[in-house]
C-alpha cells in the first residue's frame, strides 16, 4: 500500500477547531513536522481538511 509523507508548512493558530484536531490526529505538532502515514480514506480526509496547512508527497 502507498504511503504519504505529510509536512506541516503553516501554523494552526487562528484555524478552526476541527482543523487543529486533524493536525493532532495526523501527529503534527509544529511547523516543519513530518509524518509518514498509510494512504487510507481516513487519512486522506484529514489531509483534505488541512490541505492549506500541509504539503503531501507519496513515498515508497
C-alpha atoms as a PDB file:
ATOM      1  CA  UNK A   1       0.000   0.000   0.000  1.00  0.00           C
ATOM      2  CA  UNK A   2       1.188   3.509  -0.755  1.00  0.00           C
ATOM      3  CA  UNK A   3       2.476   5.786   1.957  1.00  0.00           C
ATOM      4  CA  UNK A   4       2.084   9.551   2.275  1.00  0.00           C
ATOM      5  CA  UNK A   5       4.676  11.931   3.671  1.00  0.00           C
ATOM      6  CA  UNK A   6       2.850  14.856   5.288  1.00  0.00           C
ATOM      7  CA  UNK A   7       4.736  18.033   6.228  1.00  0.00           C
ATOM      8  CA  UNK A   8       3.168  20.887   8.193  1.00  0.00           C
ATOM      9  CA  UNK A   9       4.014  24.179   6.480  1.00  0.00           C
ATOM     10  CA  UNK A  10       1.784  26.677   8.269  1.00  0.00           C
ATOM     11  CA  UNK A  11       0.720  27.331  11.846  1.00  0.00           C
ATOM     12  CA  UNK A  12      -2.534  26.071  13.326  1.00  0.00           C
ATOM     13  CA  UNK A  13      -3.066  29.382  15.143  1.00  0.00           C
ATOM     14  CA  UNK A  14      -6.289  31.026  14.038  1.00  0.00           C
ATOM     15  CA  UNK A  15      -7.715  27.901  12.402  1.00  0.00           C
ATOM     16  CA  UNK A  16     -10.965  26.163  13.234  1.00  0.00           C
ATOM     17  CA  UNK A  17     -11.111  23.530  15.946  1.00  0.00           C
ATOM     18  CA  UNK A  18     -11.656  20.613  13.554  1.00  0.00           C
ATOM     19  CA  UNK A  19      -8.546  21.637  11.590  1.00  0.00           C
ATOM     20  CA  UNK A  20      -6.416  21.743  14.753  1.00  0.00           C
ATOM     21  CA  UNK A  21      -7.757  18.344  15.763  1.00  0.00           C
ATOM     22  CA  UNK A  22      -6.982  16.915  12.322  1.00  0.00           C
ATOM     23  CA  UNK A  23      -3.376  18.116  12.580  1.00  0.00           C
ATOM     24  CA  UNK A  24      -3.046  16.495  16.012  1.00  0.00           C
ATOM     25  CA  UNK A  25      -4.602  13.253  14.770  1.00  0.00           C
ATOM     26  CA  UNK A  26      -2.083  13.185  11.944  1.00  0.00           C
ATOM     27  CA  UNK A  27       0.682  13.597  14.534  1.00  0.00           C
ATOM     28  CA  UNK A  28       1.729  17.112  13.517  1.00  0.00           C
ATOM     29  CA  UNK A  29       2.561  19.497  16.352  1.00  0.00           C
ATOM     30  CA  UNK A  30       4.631  22.326  14.869  1.00  0.00           C
ATOM     31  CA  UNK A  31       5.793  23.833  11.601  1.00  0.00           C
ATOM     32  CA  UNK A  32       8.156  21.547   9.635  1.00  0.00           C
ATOM     33  CA  UNK A  33       6.986  18.417  11.465  1.00  0.00           C
ATOM     34  CA  UNK A  34       6.933  15.405   9.128  1.00  0.00           C
ATOM     35  CA  UNK A  35       4.951  12.182   9.461  1.00  0.00           C
ATOM     36  CA  UNK A  36       4.576   9.203   7.148  1.00  0.00           C
ATOM     37  CA  UNK A  37       1.116   7.640   7.074  1.00  0.00           C
ATOM     38  CA  UNK A  38      -0.562   4.821   5.163  1.00  0.00           C
ATOM     39  CA  UNK A  39      -2.724   6.002   2.263  1.00  0.00           C
ATOM     40  CA  UNK A  40      -6.203   5.282   3.649  1.00  0.00           C
ATOM     41  CA  UNK A  41      -9.520   7.125   3.234  1.00  0.00           C
ATOM     42  CA  UNK A  42      -9.478   8.337   6.865  1.00  0.00           C
ATOM     43  CA  UNK A  43      -6.019   9.865   6.442  1.00  0.00           C
ATOM     44  CA  UNK A  44      -6.985  11.407   3.084  1.00  0.00           C
ATOM     45  CA  UNK A  45      -9.990  13.051   4.766  1.00  0.00           C
ATOM     46  CA  UNK A  46      -7.838  14.597   7.491  1.00  0.00           C
ATOM     47  CA  UNK A  47      -5.342  15.809   4.889  1.00  0.00           C
ATOM     48  CA  UNK A  48      -8.162  17.340   2.821  1.00  0.00           C
ATOM     49  CA  UNK A  49      -9.363  19.227   5.912  1.00  0.00           C
ATOM     50  CA  UNK A  50      -5.942  20.849   6.436  1.00  0.00           C
ATOM     51  CA  UNK A  51      -4.721  20.883   2.820  1.00  0.00           C
ATOM     52  CA  UNK A  52      -3.908  24.609   3.047  1.00  0.00           C
ATOM     53  CA  UNK A  53      -1.580  23.971   6.020  1.00  0.00           C
ATOM     54  CA  UNK A  54       0.356  20.912   4.816  1.00  0.00           C
ATOM     55  CA  UNK A  55       2.339  19.514   1.903  1.00  0.00           C
ATOM     56  CA  UNK A  56       1.781  15.898   0.858  1.00  0.00           C
ATOM     57  CA  UNK A  57       4.174  13.658  -1.072  1.00  0.00           C
ATOM     58  CA  UNK A  58       3.867   9.995  -1.978  1.00  0.00           C
ATOM     59  CA  UNK A  59       6.770   7.829  -0.806  1.00  0.00           C
ATOM     60  CA  UNK A  60       7.581   4.189  -1.446  1.00  0.00           C
END
